[in-house]
Amino acid sequence: MAGRKARPVDAILAEGNKSNLTKAEIEARREAEEKLKPATDKIRCPTWLDKTGKRTWRAIVKELIEIDLMTNVDVYSLALACDAYSKYIEATKAIDEEGLTIGYTNAGGNTNIVANPNIAIAQKYGQQFKSYLSEFGLSPAARARLALHQLQEDDEDDEDLLD
């Protein structure tokens, strides 16, 4: 049976340090993670993204670079997120044009009203996009966890000053 996945120390702290890491352990983990941090010299928008995907890429990557959350290896995850968003938009436009239901003619020649299949497609890609955003800390819940972590760090720094 495999153990839990290793998580970055900031993710552990963002959730309240339930692992009860000491300050020394936290600092050691941070140093080790920093040594392993990938480079940022090859962050380029993938050419295979469509127009919507590329526009989304440029908007998001700019923000991620500003807060030092983008590295060369993150290019692939962000590209998948932008592609999912583009497909979500495409499916949503199809729903707008066709409606929530469509007529479907079965093998017997009868026409039935069924849910537009683009609804399931939009849901699938919307969920994928949301999942990728959370990975980058770009959802409201992820930002709230990061903000809580920052407050806890500030409190710890204040306590250190009082010691």
C-alpha atoms as a PDB file:
ATOM      1  CA  MET A   1       0.000   0.000   0.000  1.00  0.00           C
ATOM      2  CA  ALA A   2       1.436   3.367  -1.026  1.00  0.00           C
ATOM      3  CA  GLY A   3       1.682   6.305   1.369  1.00  0.00           C
ATOM      4  CA  ARG A   4       0.317   9.756   0.789  1.00  0.00           C
ATOM      5  CA  LYS A   5       1.745  11.900  -1.975  1.00  0.00           C
ATOM      6  CA  ALA A   6       4.483  14.279  -0.906  1.00  0.00           C
ATOM      7  CA  ARG A   7       3.301  17.875  -0.929  1.00  0.00           C
ATOM      8  CA  PRO A   8       5.187  21.162  -0.995  1.00  0.00           C
ATOM      9  CA  VAL A   9       5.744  22.657   2.437  1.00  0.00           C
ATOM     10  CA  ASP A  10       3.717  25.757   1.545  1.00  0.00           C
ATOM     11  CA  ALA A  11       0.727  23.550   0.716  1.00  0.00           C
ATOM     12  CA  ILE A  12       1.083  21.825   4.080  1.00  0.00           C
ATOM     13  CA  LEU A  13       1.282  25.149   5.895  1.00  0.00           C
ATOM     14  CA  ALA A  14      -1.645  26.569   3.939  1.00  0.00           C
ATOM     15  CA  GLU A  15      -3.809  23.886   5.497  1.00  0.00           C
ATOM     16  CA  GLY A  16      -2.652  24.581   9.027  1.00  0.00           C
ATOM     17  CA  ASN A  17       0.504  22.431   9.396  1.00  0.00           C
ATOM     18  CA  LYS A  18      -1.465  19.332  10.349  1.00  0.00           C
ATOM     19  CA  SER A  19       1.811  17.426   9.975  1.00  0.00           C
ATOM     20  CA  ASN A  20       3.154  19.425  12.956  1.00  0.00           C
ATOM     21  CA  LEU A  21       6.425  20.262  11.228  1.00  0.00           C
ATOM     22  CA  THR A  22       8.883  22.221  13.347  1.00  0.00           C
ATOM     23  CA  LYS A  23      10.302  25.551  12.169  1.00  0.00           C
ATOM     24  CA  ALA A  24      13.603  23.805  11.407  1.00  0.00           C
ATOM     25  CA  GLU A  25      11.856  21.100   9.364  1.00  0.00           C
ATOM     26  CA  ILE A  26       9.862  23.739   7.477  1.00  0.00           C
ATOM     27  CA  GLU A  27      13.005  25.714   6.650  1.00  0.00           C
ATOM     28  CA  ALA A  28      14.874  22.567   5.568  1.00  0.00           C
ATOM     29  CA  ARG A  29      11.987  21.550   3.293  1.00  0.00           C
ATOM     30  CA  ARG A  30      11.815  25.046   1.791  1.00  0.00           C
ATOM     31  CA  GLU A  31      15.541  25.009   1.036  1.00  0.00           C
ATOM     32  CA  ALA A  32      15.309  21.552  -0.554  1.00  0.00           C
ATOM     33  CA  GLU A  33      12.290  22.577  -2.639  1.00  0.00           C
ATOM     34  CA  GLU A  34      14.062  25.751  -3.784  1.00  0.00           C
ATOM     35  CA  LYS A  35      17.072  23.705  -4.959  1.00  0.00           C
ATOM     36  CA  LEU A  36      14.719  21.529  -7.019  1.00  0.00           C
ATOM     37  CA  LYS A  37      12.731  24.437  -8.469  1.00  0.00           C
ATOM     38  CA  PRO A  38      12.787  24.281 -12.281  1.00  0.00           C
ATOM     39  CA  ALA A  39      14.116  27.105 -14.437  1.00  0.00           C
ATOM     40  CA  THR A  40      11.952  29.804 -16.020  1.00  0.00           C
ATOM     41  CA  ASP A  41      13.913  30.539 -19.203  1.00  0.00           C
ATOM     42  CA  LYS A  42      11.718  28.580 -21.644  1.00  0.00           C
ATOM     43  CA  ILE A  43       8.193  29.702 -20.806  1.00  0.00           C
ATOM     44  CA  ARG A  44       6.611  29.928 -24.257  1.00  0.00           C
ATOM     45  CA  CYS A  45       3.033  29.625 -25.418  1.00  0.00           C
ATOM     46  CA  PRO A  46       2.583  26.296 -27.230  1.00  0.00           C
ATOM     47  CA  THR A  47       1.936  26.732 -30.951  1.00  0.00           C
ATOM     48  CA  TRP A  48      -0.763  24.043 -31.004  1.00  0.00           C
ATOM     49  CA  LEU A  49      -3.192  26.072 -28.882  1.00  0.00           C
ATOM     50  CA  ASP A  50      -6.015  27.700 -30.822  1.00  0.00           C
ATOM     51  CA  LYS A  51      -6.714  31.457 -30.760  1.00  0.00           C
ATOM     52  CA  THR A  52      -8.808  31.327 -27.574  1.00  0.00           C
ATOM     53  CA  GLY A  53      -6.285  29.071 -25.868  1.00  0.00           C
ATOM     54  CA  LYS A  54      -3.389  31.380 -26.752  1.00  0.00           C
ATOM     55  CA  ARG A  55      -5.262  34.451 -25.511  1.00  0.00           C
ATOM     56  CA  THR A  56      -6.048  32.664 -22.251  1.00  0.00           C
ATOM     57  CA  TRP A  57      -2.428  31.491 -21.975  1.00  0.00           C
ATOM     58  CA  ARG A  58      -1.089  35.038 -22.296  1.00  0.00           C
ATOM     59  CA  ALA A  59      -3.460  36.388 -19.651  1.00  0.00           C
ATOM     60  CA  ILE A  60      -2.773  33.644 -17.107  1.00  0.00           C
ATOM     61  CA  VAL A  61       0.977  33.243 -17.645  1.00  0.00           C
ATOM     62  CA  LYS A  62       1.494  36.963 -17.089  1.00  0.00           C
ATOM     63  CA  GLU A  63      -0.168  36.693 -13.673  1.00  0.00           C
ATOM     64  CA  LEU A  64       1.701  33.507 -12.728  1.00  0.00           C
ATOM     65  CA  ILE A  65       5.071  34.994 -13.617  1.00  0.00           C
ATOM     66  CA  GLU A  66       4.326  38.078 -11.512  1.00  0.00           C
ATOM     67  CA  ILE A  67       3.781  35.933  -8.416  1.00  0.00           C
ATOM     68  CA  ASP A  68       6.669  33.562  -9.235  1.00  0.00           C
ATOM     69  CA  LEU A  69       4.458  30.503  -9.766  1.00  0.00           C
ATOM     70  CA  MET A  70       5.442  29.660 -13.341  1.00  0.00           C
ATOM     71  CA  THR A  71       8.381  27.483 -14.378  1.00  0.00           C
ATOM     72  CA  ASN A  72       9.373  25.672 -17.547  1.00  0.00           C
ATOM     73  CA  VAL A  73       7.728  22.437 -16.451  1.00  0.00           C
ATOM     74  CA  ASP A  74       4.441  24.207 -15.703  1.00  0.00           C
ATOM     75  CA  VAL A  75       4.044  25.086 -19.380  1.00  0.00           C
ATOM     76  CA  TYR A  76       2.360  21.765 -20.088  1.00  0.00           C
ATOM     77  CA  SER A  77      -0.213  21.998 -17.306  1.00  0.00           C
ATOM     78  CA  LEU A  78      -1.071  25.569 -18.207  1.00  0.00           C
ATOM     79  CA  ALA A  79      -1.380  24.600 -21.877  1.00  0.00           C
ATOM     80  CA  LEU A  80      -3.840  21.834 -20.962  1.00  0.00           C
ATOM     81  CA  ALA A  81      -5.810  24.307 -18.834  1.00  0.00           C
ATOM     82  CA  CYS A  82      -6.000  26.809 -21.695  1.00  0.00           C
ATOM     83  CA  ASP A  83      -7.010  24.088 -24.155  1.00  0.00           C
ATOM     84  CA  ALA A  84      -9.769  22.938 -21.772  1.00  0.00           C
ATOM     85  CA  TYR A  85     -11.007  26.517 -21.470  1.00  0.00           C
ATOM     86  CA  SER A  86     -11.067  26.908 -25.254  1.00  0.00           C
ATOM     87  CA  LYS A  87     -13.076  23.706 -25.659  1.00  0.00           C
ATOM     88  CA  TYR A  88     -15.447  24.833 -22.897  1.00  0.00           C
ATOM     89  CA  ILE A  89     -16.071  28.087 -24.788  1.00  0.00           C
ATOM     90  CA  GLU A  90     -16.621  26.177 -28.041  1.00  0.00           C
ATOM     91  CA  ALA A  91     -19.160  23.825 -26.417  1.00  0.00           C
ATOM     92  CA  THR A  92     -20.931  26.742 -24.717  1.00  0.00           C
ATOM     93  CA  LYS A  93     -21.283  28.578 -28.036  1.00  0.00           C
ATOM     94  CA  ALA A  94     -22.762  25.422 -29.581  1.00  0.00           C
ATOM     95  CA  ILE A  95     -25.292  25.213 -26.738  1.00  0.00           C
ATOM     96  CA  ASP A  96     -26.218  28.860 -27.297  1.00  0.00           C
ATOM     97  CA  GLU A  97     -26.804  28.172 -31.000  1.00  0.00           C
ATOM     98  CA  GLU A  98     -28.557  24.806 -30.714  1.00  0.00           C
ATOM     99  CA  GLY A  99     -30.324  25.145 -27.363  1.00  0.00           C
ATOM    100  CA  LEU A 100     -30.305  22.938 -24.296  1.00  0.00           C
ATOM    101  CA  THR A 101     -32.197  20.163 -26.103  1.00  0.00           C
ATOM    102  CA  ILE A 102     -31.977  18.805 -29.622  1.00  0.00           C
ATOM    103  CA  GLY A 103     -34.015  16.431 -31.733  1.00  0.00           C
ATOM    104  CA  TYR A 104     -32.529  12.953 -32.138  1.00  0.00           C
ATOM    105  CA  THR A 105     -33.858  10.529 -34.721  1.00  0.00           C
ATOM    106  CA  ASN A 106     -33.402   6.922 -33.612  1.00  0.00           C
ATOM    107  CA  ALA A 107     -32.987   3.837 -35.810  1.00  0.00           C
ATOM    108  CA  GLY A 108     -36.769   3.328 -35.896  1.00  0.00           C
ATOM    109  CA  GLY A 109     -37.238   6.777 -37.442  1.00  0.00           C
ATOM    110  CA  ASN A 110     -38.750   8.339 -34.337  1.00  0.00           C
ATOM    111  CA  THR A 111     -37.491  11.721 -33.259  1.00  0.00           C
ATOM    112  CA  ASN A 112     -36.914  12.236 -29.559  1.00  0.00           C
ATOM    113  CA  ILE A 113     -35.951  15.373 -27.707  1.00  0.00           C
ATOM    114  CA  VAL A 114     -32.677  14.806 -25.807  1.00  0.00           C
ATOM    115  CA  ALA A 115     -30.219  16.930 -23.871  1.00  0.00           C
ATOM    116  CA  ASN A 116     -27.682  18.641 -26.097  1.00  0.00           C
ATOM    117  CA  PRO A 117     -24.454  16.557 -25.911  1.00  0.00           C
ATOM    118  CA  ASN A 118     -22.486  19.808 -25.763  1.00  0.00           C
ATOM    119  CA  ILE A 119     -23.733  20.251 -22.191  1.00  0.00           C
ATOM    120  CA  ALA A 120     -21.701  17.223 -21.070  1.00  0.00           C
ATOM    121  CA  ILE A 121     -18.714  18.443 -23.087  1.00  0.00           C
ATOM    122  CA  ALA A 122     -18.894  21.901 -21.501  1.00  0.00           C
ATOM    123  CA  GLN A 123     -19.165  20.374 -18.025  1.00  0.00           C
ATOM    124  CA  LYS A 124     -16.183  18.102 -18.662  1.00  0.00           C
ATOM    125  CA  TYR A 125     -13.886  20.862 -19.900  1.00  0.00           C
ATOM    126  CA  GLY A 126     -15.132  23.367 -17.334  1.00  0.00           C
ATOM    127  CA  GLN A 127     -14.242  20.929 -14.560  1.00  0.00           C
ATOM    128  CA  GLN A 128     -10.824  20.280 -16.103  1.00  0.00           C
ATOM    129  CA  PHE A 129     -10.128  24.006 -16.326  1.00  0.00           C
ATOM    130  CA  LYS A 130     -11.200  24.533 -12.718  1.00  0.00           C
ATOM    131  CA  SER A 131      -8.962  21.675 -11.597  1.00  0.00           C
ATOM    132  CA  TYR A 132      -5.920  23.134 -13.368  1.00  0.00           C
ATOM    133  CA  LEU A 133      -6.621  26.591 -11.942  1.00  0.00           C
ATOM    134  CA  SER A 134      -6.607  25.110  -8.450  1.00  0.00           C
ATOM    135  CA  GLU A 135      -3.221  23.518  -9.157  1.00  0.00           C
ATOM    136  CA  PHE A 136      -1.847  26.985  -9.857  1.00  0.00           C
ATOM    137  CA  GLY A 137      -3.629  28.559  -6.877  1.00  0.00           C
ATOM    138  CA  LEU A 138      -5.927  30.542  -9.162  1.00  0.00           C
ATOM    139  CA  SER A 139      -9.311  29.636  -7.752  1.00  0.00           C
ATOM    140  CA  PRO A 140     -10.940  31.657  -4.956  1.00  0.00           C
ATOM    141  CA  ALA A 141     -10.619  28.704  -2.559  1.00  0.00           C
ATOM    142  CA  ALA A 142      -6.952  28.176  -3.417  1.00  0.00           C
ATOM    143  CA  ARG A 143      -6.230  31.891  -2.906  1.00  0.00           C
ATOM    144  CA  ALA A 144      -8.053  31.800   0.424  1.00  0.00           C
ATOM    145  CA  ARG A 145      -5.838  28.904   1.554  1.00  0.00           C
ATOM    146  CA  LEU A 146      -2.747  30.833   0.455  1.00  0.00           C
ATOM    147  CA  ALA A 147      -3.939  33.976   2.243  1.00  0.00           C
ATOM    148  CA  LEU A 148      -4.569  31.988   5.424  1.00  0.00           C
ATOM    149  CA  HIS A 149      -1.086  30.536   5.149  1.00  0.00           C
ATOM    150  CA  GLN A 150       0.371  34.021   4.722  1.00  0.00           C
ATOM    151  CA  LEU A 151      -1.446  35.246   7.832  1.00  0.00           C
ATOM    152  CA  GLN A 152      -0.135  32.288   9.819  1.00  0.00           C
ATOM    153  CA  GLU A 153       3.410  32.972   8.607  1.00  0.00           C
ATOM    154  CA  ASP A 154       3.083  36.637   9.563  1.00  0.00           C
ATOM    155  CA  ASP A 155       1.867  35.612  13.040  1.00  0.00           C
ATOM    156  CA  GLU A 156       4.832  33.242  13.426  1.00  0.00           C
ATOM    157  CA  ASP A 157       7.219  36.029  12.352  1.00  0.00           C
ATOM    158  CA  ASP A 158       5.650  38.348  14.940  1.00  0.00           C
ATOM    159  CA  GLU A 159       6.076  35.679  17.636  1.00  0.00           C
ATOM    160  CA  ASP A 160       9.755  35.268  16.651  1.00  0.00           C
ATOM    161  CA  LEU A 161      10.259  39.007  17.129  1.00  0.00           C
ATOM    162  CA  LEU A 162       8.784  38.794  20.618  1.00  0.00           C
ATOM    163  CA  ASP A 163      11.083  35.929  21.662  1.00  0.00           C
END
